Amino acid sequence: ELRESATAALAAMGPRAYPSLRAAAAGEE
C-alpha cells in the first residue's frame, strides 16, 4: 500500500519528479 500511494503521489507531481525518478530508475532495487 505504501508503494502504491508513493507511486500515485509521484505521478501527480508530474515532471517535477522526473530527475529523481531517473536516479531511481538507475538504482539496484
PDB file of all heavy atoms in Angstrom:
ATOM      1  N   GLU A   1       0.820  -1.205   0.000  1.00  0.00           N
ATOM      2  CA  GLU A   1       0.000   0.000   0.000  1.00  0.00           C
ATOM      3  C   GLU A   1       0.860   1.263   0.000  1.00  0.00           C
ATOM      4  O   GLU A   1       0.513   2.265  -0.642  1.00  0.00           O
ATOM      5  CB  GLU A   1      -0.955   0.001   1.194  1.00  0.00           C
ATOM      6  CG  GLU A   1      -2.038  -1.065   1.115  1.00  0.00           C
ATOM      7  CD  GLU A   1      -3.048  -0.940   2.247  1.00  0.00           C
ATOM      8  OE1 GLU A   1      -2.888  -0.026   3.091  1.00  0.00           O
ATOM      9  OE2 GLU A   1      -3.991  -1.756   2.284  1.00  0.00           O
ATOM     10  N   LEU A   2       1.980   1.221   0.692  1.00  0.00           N
ATOM     11  CA  LEU A   2       2.886   2.371   0.716  1.00  0.00           C
ATOM     12  C   LEU A   2       3.513   2.582  -0.656  1.00  0.00           C
ATOM     13  O   LEU A   2       3.660   3.721  -1.115  1.00  0.00           O
ATOM     14  CB  LEU A   2       3.972   2.147   1.772  1.00  0.00           C
ATOM     15  CG  LEU A   2       4.837   3.365   2.142  1.00  0.00           C
ATOM     16  CD1 LEU A   2       3.966   4.515   2.633  1.00  0.00           C
ATOM     17  CD2 LEU A   2       5.875   2.986   3.185  1.00  0.00           C
ATOM     18  N   ARG A   3       3.864   1.478  -1.323  1.00  0.00           N
ATOM     19  CA  ARG A   3       4.408   1.587  -2.683  1.00  0.00           C
ATOM     20  C   ARG A   3       3.385   2.200  -3.631  1.00  0.00           C
ATOM     21  O   ARG A   3       3.710   3.056  -4.460  1.00  0.00           O
ATOM     22  CB  ARG A   3       4.838   0.204  -3.200  1.00  0.00           C
ATOM     23  CG  ARG A   3       5.998  -0.428  -2.457  1.00  0.00           C
ATOM     24  CD  ARG A   3       6.658  -1.538  -3.285  1.00  0.00           C
ATOM     25  NE  ARG A   3       5.733  -2.600  -3.682  1.00  0.00           N
ATOM     26  CZ  ARG A   3       5.469  -3.686  -2.970  1.00  0.00           C
ATOM     27  NH1 ARG A   3       6.050  -3.849  -1.777  1.00  0.00           N
ATOM     28  NH2 ARG A   3       4.640  -4.615  -3.425  1.00  0.00           N
ATOM     29  N   GLU A   4       2.131   1.749  -3.497  1.00  0.00           N
ATOM     30  CA  GLU A   4       1.066   2.249  -4.373  1.00  0.00           C
ATOM     31  C   GLU A   4       0.808   3.739  -4.142  1.00  0.00           C
ATOM     32  O   GLU A   4       0.663   4.524  -5.098  1.00  0.00           O
ATOM     33  CB  GLU A   4      -0.226   1.461  -4.122  1.00  0.00           C
ATOM     34  CG  GLU A   4      -0.201   0.047  -4.671  1.00  0.00           C
ATOM     35  CD  GLU A   4      -0.274   0.053  -6.189  1.00  0.00           C
ATOM     36  OE1 GLU A   4      -1.343   0.353  -6.737  1.00  0.00           O
ATOM     37  OE2 GLU A   4       0.760  -0.254  -6.832  1.00  0.00           O
ATOM     38  N   SER A   5       0.744   4.155  -2.891  1.00  0.00           N
ATOM     39  CA  SER A   5       0.469   5.557  -2.601  1.00  0.00           C
ATOM     40  C   SER A   5       1.633   6.447  -3.043  1.00  0.00           C
ATOM     41  O   SER A   5       1.419   7.561  -3.544  1.00  0.00           O
ATOM     42  CB  SER A   5       0.194   5.749  -1.107  1.00  0.00           C
ATOM     43  OG  SER A   5       1.334   5.432  -0.320  1.00  0.00           O
ATOM     44  N   ALA A   6       2.860   5.955  -2.881  1.00  0.00           N
ATOM     45  CA  ALA A   6       4.026   6.724  -3.326  1.00  0.00           C
ATOM     46  C   ALA A   6       4.023   6.868  -4.845  1.00  0.00           C
ATOM     47  O   ALA A   6       4.330   7.943  -5.379  1.00  0.00           O
ATOM     48  CB  ALA A   6       5.312   6.045  -2.855  1.00  0.00           C
ATOM     49  N   THR A   7       3.668   5.799  -5.542  1.00  0.00           N
ATOM     50  CA  THR A   7       3.604   5.846  -7.000  1.00  0.00           C
ATOM     51  C   THR A   7       2.567   6.855  -7.461  1.00  0.00           C
ATOM     52  O   THR A   7       2.812   7.654  -8.378  1.00  0.00           O
ATOM     53  CB  THR A   7       3.265   4.445  -7.564  1.00  0.00           C
ATOM     54  OG1 THR A   7       4.253   3.517  -7.133  1.00  0.00           O
ATOM     55  CG2 THR A   7       3.217   4.471  -9.080  1.00  0.00           C
ATOM     56  N   ALA A   8       1.404   6.847  -6.833  1.00  0.00           N
ATOM     57  CA  ALA A   8       0.339   7.784  -7.201  1.00  0.00           C
ATOM     58  C   ALA A   8       0.753   9.225  -6.914  1.00  0.00           C
ATOM     59  O   ALA A   8       0.481  10.140  -7.718  1.00  0.00           O
ATOM     60  CB  ALA A   8      -0.940   7.438  -6.446  1.00  0.00           C
ATOM     61  N   ALA A   9       1.406   9.455  -5.794  1.00  0.00           N
ATOM     62  CA  ALA A   9       1.825  10.812  -5.431  1.00  0.00           C
ATOM     63  C   ALA A   9       2.877  11.343  -6.404  1.00  0.00           C
ATOM     64  O   ALA A   9       2.835  12.508  -6.816  1.00  0.00           O
ATOM     65  CB  ALA A   9       2.367  10.825  -4.008  1.00  0.00           C
ATOM     66  N   LEU A  10       3.816  10.500  -6.794  1.00  0.00           N
ATOM     67  CA  LEU A  10       4.844  10.916  -7.745  1.00  0.00           C
ATOM     68  C   LEU A  10       4.247  11.169  -9.127  1.00  0.00           C
ATOM     69  O   LEU A  10       4.671  12.093  -9.835  1.00  0.00           O
ATOM     70  CB  LEU A  10       5.940   9.862  -7.824  1.00  0.00           C
ATOM     71  CG  LEU A  10       6.840   9.769  -6.585  1.00  0.00           C
ATOM     72  CD1 LEU A  10       7.668   8.493  -6.618  1.00  0.00           C
ATOM     73  CD2 LEU A  10       7.744  11.005  -6.490  1.00  0.00           C
ATOM     74  N   ALA A  11       3.271  10.376  -9.522  1.00  0.00           N
ATOM     75  CA  ALA A  11       2.595  10.594 -10.804  1.00  0.00           C
ATOM     76  C   ALA A  11       1.896  11.946 -10.807  1.00  0.00           C
ATOM     77  O   ALA A  11       1.895  12.665 -11.815  1.00  0.00           O
ATOM     78  CB  ALA A  11       1.598   9.471 -11.075  1.00  0.00           C
ATOM     79  N   ALA A  12       1.298  12.322  -9.674  1.00  0.00           N
ATOM     80  CA  ALA A  12       0.594  13.603  -9.579  1.00  0.00           C
ATOM     81  C   ALA A  12       1.567  14.780  -9.654  1.00  0.00           C
ATOM     82  O   ALA A  12       1.191  15.861 -10.118  1.00  0.00           O
ATOM     83  CB  ALA A  12      -0.191  13.660  -8.265  1.00  0.00           C
ATOM     84  N   MET A  13       2.798  14.581  -9.221  1.00  0.00           N
ATOM     85  CA  MET A  13       3.787  15.664  -9.286  1.00  0.00           C
ATOM     86  C   MET A  13       4.307  15.888 -10.697  1.00  0.00           C
ATOM     87  O   MET A  13       4.883  16.935 -10.996  1.00  0.00           O
ATOM     88  CB  MET A  13       4.949  15.363  -8.345  1.00  0.00           C
ATOM     89  CG  MET A  13       4.573  15.483  -6.886  1.00  0.00           C
ATOM     90  SD  MET A  13       5.982  15.161  -5.807  1.00  0.00           S
ATOM     91  CE  MET A  13       5.261  15.535  -4.210  1.00  0.00           C
ATOM     92  N   GLY A  14       4.113  14.932 -11.567  1.00  0.00           N
ATOM     93  CA  GLY A  14       4.468  15.102 -12.971  1.00  0.00           C
ATOM     94  C   GLY A  14       5.947  15.352 -13.190  1.00  0.00           C
ATOM     95  O   GLY A  14       6.812  14.751 -12.535  1.00  0.00           O
ATOM     96  N   PRO A  15       6.292  16.269 -14.124  1.00  0.00           N
ATOM     97  CA  PRO A  15       7.692  16.490 -14.497  1.00  0.00           C
ATOM     98  C   PRO A  15       8.594  16.910 -13.344  1.00  0.00           C
ATOM     99  O   PRO A  15       9.795  16.710 -13.411  1.00  0.00           O
ATOM    100  CB  PRO A  15       7.591  17.612 -15.549  1.00  0.00           C
ATOM    101  CG  PRO A  15       6.207  17.510 -16.097  1.00  0.00           C
ATOM    102  CD  PRO A  15       5.360  17.066 -14.947  1.00  0.00           C
ATOM    103  N   ARG A  16       8.030  17.488 -12.292  1.00  0.00           N
ATOM    104  CA  ARG A  16       8.870  17.937 -11.176  1.00  0.00           C
ATOM    105  C   ARG A  16       9.591  16.762 -10.510  1.00  0.00           C
ATOM    106  O   ARG A  16      10.648  16.945  -9.903  1.00  0.00           O
ATOM    107  CB  ARG A  16       8.027  18.697 -10.150  1.00  0.00           C
ATOM    108  CG  ARG A  16       7.404  19.964 -10.709  1.00  0.00           C
ATOM    109  CD  ARG A  16       6.797  20.819  -9.625  1.00  0.00           C
ATOM    110  NE  ARG A  16       5.763  20.141  -8.859  1.00  0.00           N
ATOM    111  CZ  ARG A  16       4.516  19.963  -9.266  1.00  0.00           C
ATOM    112  NH1 ARG A  16       4.149  20.375 -10.474  1.00  0.00           N
ATOM    113  NH2 ARG A  16       3.616  19.366  -8.510  1.00  0.00           N
ATOM    114  N   ALA A  17       9.010  15.581 -10.620  1.00  0.00           N
ATOM    115  CA  ALA A  17       9.638  14.404 -10.022  1.00  0.00           C
ATOM    116  C   ALA A  17      10.597  13.702 -10.979  1.00  0.00           C
ATOM    117  O   ALA A  17      11.274  12.740 -10.581  1.00  0.00           O
ATOM    118  CB  ALA A  17       8.556  13.419  -9.573  1.00  0.00           C
ATOM    119  N   TYR A  18      10.681  14.162 -12.209  1.00  0.00           N
ATOM    120  CA  TYR A  18      11.435  13.450 -13.248  1.00  0.00           C
ATOM    121  C   TYR A  18      12.910  13.216 -12.892  1.00  0.00           C
ATOM    122  O   TYR A  18      13.405  12.084 -13.019  1.00  0.00           O
ATOM    123  CB  TYR A  18      11.310  14.190 -14.573  1.00  0.00           C
ATOM    124  CG  TYR A  18      12.039  13.561 -15.725  1.00  0.00           C
ATOM    125  CD1 TYR A  18      11.653  12.323 -16.233  1.00  0.00           C
ATOM    126  CD2 TYR A  18      13.122  14.199 -16.322  1.00  0.00           C
ATOM    127  CE1 TYR A  18      12.321  11.742 -17.303  1.00  0.00           C
ATOM    128  CE2 TYR A  18      13.799  13.633 -17.388  1.00  0.00           C
ATOM    129  CZ  TYR A  18      13.401  12.407 -17.870  1.00  0.00           C
ATOM    130  OH  TYR A  18      14.058  11.833 -18.922  1.00  0.00           O
ATOM    131  N   PRO A  19      13.673  14.251 -12.461  1.00  0.00           N
ATOM    132  CA  PRO A  19      15.088  13.978 -12.148  1.00  0.00           C
ATOM    133  C   PRO A  19      15.276  12.907 -11.088  1.00  0.00           C
ATOM    134  O   PRO A  19      16.164  12.053 -11.203  1.00  0.00           O
ATOM    135  CB  PRO A  19      15.598  15.350 -11.663  1.00  0.00           C
ATOM    136  CG  PRO A  19      14.694  16.343 -12.316  1.00  0.00           C
ATOM    137  CD  PRO A  19      13.344  15.682 -12.326  1.00  0.00           C
ATOM    138  N   SER A  20      14.447  12.925 -10.063  1.00  0.00           N
ATOM    139  CA  SER A  20      14.558  11.919  -9.000  1.00  0.00           C
ATOM    140  C   SER A  20      14.162  10.538  -9.505  1.00  0.00           C
ATOM    141  O   SER A  20      14.749   9.518  -9.106  1.00  0.00           O
ATOM    142  CB  SER A  20      13.680  12.308  -7.808  1.00  0.00           C
ATOM    143  OG  SER A  20      14.138  13.519  -7.228  1.00  0.00           O
ATOM    144  N   LEU A  21      13.174  10.482 -10.387  1.00  0.00           N
ATOM    145  CA  LEU A  21      12.756   9.198 -10.946  1.00  0.00           C
ATOM    146  C   LEU A  21      13.850   8.602 -11.835  1.00  0.00           C
ATOM    147  O   LEU A  21      14.058   7.389 -11.848  1.00  0.00           O
ATOM    148  CB  LEU A  21      11.464   9.373 -11.751  1.00  0.00           C
ATOM    149  CG  LEU A  21      10.199   9.642 -10.930  1.00  0.00           C
ATOM    150  CD1 LEU A  21       9.029   9.971 -11.846  1.00  0.00           C
ATOM    151  CD2 LEU A  21       9.858   8.434 -10.055  1.00  0.00           C
ATOM    152  N   ARG A  22      14.557   9.457 -12.555  1.00  0.00           N
ATOM    153  CA  ARG A  22      15.659   8.961 -13.383  1.00  0.00           C
ATOM    154  C   ARG A  22      16.741   8.335 -12.518  1.00  0.00           C
ATOM    155  O   ARG A  22      17.316   7.284 -12.863  1.00  0.00           O
ATOM    156  CB  ARG A  22      16.255  10.109 -14.201  1.00  0.00           C
ATOM    157  CG  ARG A  22      15.411  10.535 -15.388  1.00  0.00           C
ATOM    158  CD  ARG A  22      16.140  11.559 -16.223  1.00  0.00           C
ATOM    159  NE  ARG A  22      17.395  11.025 -16.750  1.00  0.00           N
ATOM    160  CZ  ARG A  22      18.303  11.756 -17.396  1.00  0.00           C
ATOM    161  NH1 ARG A  22      18.104  13.050 -17.557  1.00  0.00           N
ATOM    162  NH2 ARG A  22      19.395  11.213 -17.867  1.00  0.00           N
ATOM    163  N   ALA A  23      17.025   8.968 -11.395  1.00  0.00           N
ATOM    164  CA  ALA A  23      18.030   8.414 -10.482  1.00  0.00           C
ATOM    165  C   ALA A  23      17.560   7.077  -9.921  1.00  0.00           C
ATOM    166  O   ALA A  23      18.347   6.120  -9.813  1.00  0.00           O
ATOM    167  CB  ALA A  23      18.303   9.409  -9.353  1.00  0.00           C
ATOM    168  N   ALA A  24      16.260   6.990  -9.585  1.00  0.00           N
ATOM    169  CA  ALA A  24      15.717   5.735  -9.052  1.00  0.00           C
ATOM    170  C   ALA A  24      15.739   4.632 -10.092  1.00  0.00           C
ATOM    171  O   ALA A  24      15.991   3.462  -9.778  1.00  0.00           O
ATOM    172  CB  ALA A  24      14.298   5.963  -8.545  1.00  0.00           C
ATOM    173  N   ALA A  25      15.484   4.994 -11.356  1.00  0.00           N
ATOM    174  CA  ALA A  25      15.464   4.001 -12.434  1.00  0.00           C
ATOM    175  C   ALA A  25      16.846   3.413 -12.689  1.00  0.00           C
ATOM    176  O   ALA A  25      16.972   2.329 -13.270  1.00  0.00           O
ATOM    177  CB  ALA A  25      14.922   4.632 -13.718  1.00  0.00           C
ATOM    178  N   ALA A  26      17.883   4.121 -12.265  1.00  0.00           N
ATOM    179  CA  ALA A  26      19.252   3.616 -12.439  1.00  0.00           C
ATOM    180  C   ALA A  26      19.753   2.894 -11.192  1.00  0.00           C
ATOM    181  O   ALA A  26      20.921   2.503 -11.125  1.00  0.00           O
ATOM    182  CB  ALA A  26      20.186   4.784 -12.773  1.00  0.00           C
ATOM    183  N   GLY A  27      18.867   2.698 -10.208  1.00  0.00           N
ATOM    184  CA  GLY A  27      19.247   2.057  -8.960  1.00  0.00           C
ATOM    185  C   GLY A  27      19.309   0.539  -9.059  1.00  0.00           C
ATOM    186  O   GLY A  27      19.242  -0.035 -10.152  1.00  0.00           O
ATOM    187  N   GLU A  28      19.397  -0.098  -7.899  1.00  0.00           N
ATOM    188  CA  GLU A  28      19.563  -1.556  -7.858  1.00  0.00           C
ATOM    189  C   GLU A  28      18.347  -2.275  -7.292  1.00  0.00           C
ATOM    190  O   GLU A  28      18.246  -3.498  -7.418  1.00  0.00           O
ATOM    191  CB  GLU A  28      20.804  -1.905  -7.024  1.00  0.00           C
ATOM    192  CG  GLU A  28      22.110  -1.353  -7.608  1.00  0.00           C
ATOM    193  CD  GLU A  28      23.308  -1.708  -6.760  1.00  0.00           C
ATOM    194  OE1 GLU A  28      23.104  -2.319  -5.691  1.00  0.00           O
ATOM    195  OE2 GLU A  28      24.446  -1.379  -7.157  1.00  0.00           O
ATOM    196  N   GLU A  29      17.411  -1.552  -6.644  1.00  0.00           N
ATOM    197  CA  GLU A  29      16.244  -2.185  -6.053  1.00  0.00           C
ATOM    198  C   GLU A  29      15.221  -2.441  -7.159  1.00  0.00           C
ATOM    199  O   GLU A  29      14.690  -1.511  -7.761  1.00  0.00           O
ATOM    200  CB  GLU A  29      15.662  -1.265  -4.972  1.00  0.00           C
ATOM    201  CG  GLU A  29      15.010  -2.011  -3.817  1.00  0.00           C
ATOM    202  CD  GLU A  29      13.736  -2.740  -4.263  1.00  0.00           C
ATOM    203  OE1 GLU A  29      12.943  -2.129  -4.999  1.00  0.00           O
ATOM    204  OE2 GLU A  29      13.568  -3.907  -3.865  1.00  0.00           O
TER     205      GLU A  29
END
